[in-house]
Amino acid sequence: MSGTVTMYSTSWCGYCRRLKSQLEREGIAYEEINIEQDPASAKFVEEANGGNQTVPTVLISSGSGTSTTLTNPSVAQVKQALTAA
C-alpha cells in the first residue's frame, strides 16, 4: 500500500474511535487532526461534506499529488483507497 492517511475527527466521535482502532489493528499509519482544535481543518471537512462537519473524514494522499476523500469509511475502504493511491 502506498499513500498517506489523514483522519479528521473530534474528541467525542465514536465512529472515529472505532476507525482508529481498526487502522491500528491493520497496521495502517495515520495522522489524526481534531477539527474542534483546528478551524482550517474544520473548513476542509465542511467543504468535503456539503457544508457538514461529518467525521471521520479521511484524506488519502498519494506521492503523485492525487488525493481521495472518504467520509465515515470502513477500514476496507481505506485499504482499497491506499492500494489505488
C-alpha atoms as a PDB file:
ATOM      1  CA  MET A   1       0.000   0.000   0.000  1.00  0.00           C
ATOM      2  CA  SER A   2       1.173   3.489  -0.766  1.00  0.00           C
ATOM      3  CA  GLY A   3      -0.095   6.902   0.189  1.00  0.00           C
ATOM      4  CA  THR A   4      -0.625   8.723   3.449  1.00  0.00           C
ATOM      5  CA  VAL A   5      -3.722   8.755   5.636  1.00  0.00           C
ATOM      6  CA  THR A   6      -5.016  11.813   7.452  1.00  0.00           C
ATOM      7  CA  MET A   7      -8.097  11.337   9.624  1.00  0.00           C
ATOM      8  CA  TYR A   8     -10.151  14.341  10.654  1.00  0.00           C
ATOM      9  CA  SER A   9     -12.019  13.645  13.884  1.00  0.00           C
ATOM     10  CA  THR A  10     -13.450  15.046  17.111  1.00  0.00           C
ATOM     11  CA  SER A  11     -12.855  14.007  20.697  1.00  0.00           C
ATOM     12  CA  TRP A  12     -16.447  12.747  21.151  1.00  0.00           C
ATOM     13  CA  CYS A  13     -16.866  10.745  17.924  1.00  0.00           C
ATOM     14  CA  GLY A  14     -17.443   7.026  18.473  1.00  0.00           C
ATOM     15  CA  TYR A  15     -17.058   6.265  14.761  1.00  0.00           C
ATOM     16  CA  CYS A  16     -13.648   7.962  14.877  1.00  0.00           C
ATOM     17  CA  ARG A  17     -12.535   5.841  17.834  1.00  0.00           C
ATOM     18  CA  ARG A  18     -13.678   2.694  16.043  1.00  0.00           C
ATOM     19  CA  LEU A  19     -11.841   3.561  12.817  1.00  0.00           C
ATOM     20  CA  LYS A  20      -8.659   4.486  14.721  1.00  0.00           C
ATOM     21  CA  SER A  21      -8.749   1.112  16.460  1.00  0.00           C
ATOM     22  CA  GLN A  22      -9.255  -0.710  13.162  1.00  0.00           C
ATOM     23  CA  LEU A  23      -6.440   1.201  11.430  1.00  0.00           C
ATOM     24  CA  GLU A  24      -4.086   0.422  14.303  1.00  0.00           C
ATOM     25  CA  ARG A  25      -5.076  -3.254  14.251  1.00  0.00           C
ATOM     26  CA  GLU A  26      -4.345  -3.384  10.498  1.00  0.00           C
ATOM     27  CA  GLY A  27      -1.004  -1.599  10.941  1.00  0.00           C
ATOM     28  CA  ILE A  28      -2.066   1.415   8.877  1.00  0.00           C
ATOM     29  CA  ALA A  29      -0.274   4.591   9.963  1.00  0.00           C
ATOM     30  CA  TYR A  30      -2.326   7.779  10.061  1.00  0.00           C
ATOM     31  CA  GLU A  31      -2.215  11.360  11.226  1.00  0.00           C
ATOM     32  CA  GLU A  32      -5.194  12.479  13.287  1.00  0.00           C
ATOM     33  CA  ILE A  33      -6.428  16.069  13.272  1.00  0.00           C
ATOM     34  CA  ASN A  34      -9.114  17.164  15.726  1.00  0.00           C
ATOM     35  CA  ILE A  35     -11.331  19.627  13.853  1.00  0.00           C
ATOM     36  CA  GLU A  36     -12.515  21.145  17.151  1.00  0.00           C
ATOM     37  CA  GLN A  37      -8.985  22.454  17.673  1.00  0.00           C
ATOM     38  CA  ASP A  38      -8.134  23.378  14.067  1.00  0.00           C
ATOM     39  CA  PRO A  39     -10.533  25.768  12.263  1.00  0.00           C
ATOM     40  CA  ALA A  40      -8.810  25.275   8.880  1.00  0.00           C
ATOM     41  CA  SER A  41      -9.340  21.520   9.129  1.00  0.00           C
ATOM     42  CA  ALA A  42     -12.973  22.019  10.141  1.00  0.00           C
ATOM     43  CA  LYS A  43     -13.430  24.102   6.975  1.00  0.00           C
ATOM     44  CA  PHE A  44     -11.815  21.357   4.866  1.00  0.00           C
ATOM     45  CA  VAL A  45     -14.210  18.778   6.361  1.00  0.00           C
ATOM     46  CA  GLU A  46     -17.200  21.046   5.665  1.00  0.00           C
ATOM     47  CA  GLU A  47     -16.113  21.517   2.047  1.00  0.00           C
ATOM     48  CA  ALA A  48     -15.655  17.763   1.594  1.00  0.00           C
ATOM     49  CA  ASN A  49     -19.084  17.004   3.064  1.00  0.00           C
ATOM     50  CA  GLY A  50     -21.503  19.509   1.565  1.00  0.00           C
ATOM     51  CA  GLY A  51     -21.234  22.001   4.432  1.00  0.00           C
ATOM     52  CA  ASN A  52     -21.406  19.409   7.227  1.00  0.00           C
ATOM     53  CA  GLN A  53     -18.704  18.654   9.783  1.00  0.00           C
ATOM     54  CA  THR A  54     -19.036  14.895   9.315  1.00  0.00           C
ATOM     55  CA  VAL A  55     -16.327  12.828  10.973  1.00  0.00           C
ATOM     56  CA  PRO A  56     -14.398  10.748  10.495  1.00  0.00           C
ATOM     57  CA  THR A  57     -13.366  12.248   7.195  1.00  0.00           C
ATOM     58  CA  VAL A  58     -10.266  10.566   5.800  1.00  0.00           C
ATOM     59  CA  LEU A  59      -7.893  12.047   3.239  1.00  0.00           C
ATOM     60  CA  ILE A  60      -5.694   9.595   1.312  1.00  0.00           C
ATOM     61  CA  SER A  61      -2.822  11.369  -0.453  1.00  0.00           C
ATOM     62  CA  SER A  62      -0.548   9.683  -2.959  1.00  0.00           C
ATOM     63  CA  GLY A  63       3.020  10.531  -3.788  1.00  0.00           C
ATOM     64  CA  SER A  64       1.923  11.662  -7.250  1.00  0.00           C
ATOM     65  CA  GLY A  65      -0.183  14.515  -5.870  1.00  0.00           C
ATOM     66  CA  THR A  66      -3.615  12.934  -6.197  1.00  0.00           C
ATOM     67  CA  SER A  67      -5.926  12.533  -3.233  1.00  0.00           C
ATOM     68  CA  THR A  68      -9.147  10.805  -2.245  1.00  0.00           C
ATOM     69  CA  THR A  69     -11.532  11.897   0.487  1.00  0.00           C
ATOM     70  CA  LEU A  70     -13.700   9.330   2.281  1.00  0.00           C
ATOM     71  CA  THR A  71     -16.496  10.079   4.750  1.00  0.00           C
ATOM     72  CA  ASN A  72     -17.010   7.618   7.612  1.00  0.00           C
ATOM     73  CA  PRO A  73     -15.223   4.857   5.702  1.00  0.00           C
ATOM     74  CA  SER A  74     -14.729   1.269   6.710  1.00  0.00           C
ATOM     75  CA  VAL A  75     -11.176   0.039   7.169  1.00  0.00           C
ATOM     76  CA  ALA A  76     -11.653  -1.968   3.953  1.00  0.00           C
ATOM     77  CA  GLN A  77     -12.449   1.242   2.053  1.00  0.00           C
ATOM     78  CA  VAL A  78      -9.327   2.897   3.454  1.00  0.00           C
ATOM     79  CA  LYS A  79      -7.203  -0.083   2.432  1.00  0.00           C
ATOM     80  CA  GLN A  80      -8.708  -0.043  -1.056  1.00  0.00           C
ATOM     81  CA  ALA A  81      -8.012   3.693  -1.444  1.00  0.00           C
ATOM     82  CA  LEU A  82      -4.438   3.191  -0.247  1.00  0.00           C
ATOM     83  CA  THR A  83      -3.917   0.414  -2.781  1.00  0.00           C
ATOM     84  CA  ALA A  84      -5.200   2.674  -5.549  1.00  0.00           C
ATOM     85  CA  ALA A  85      -3.054   5.657  -4.409  1.00  0.00           C
END
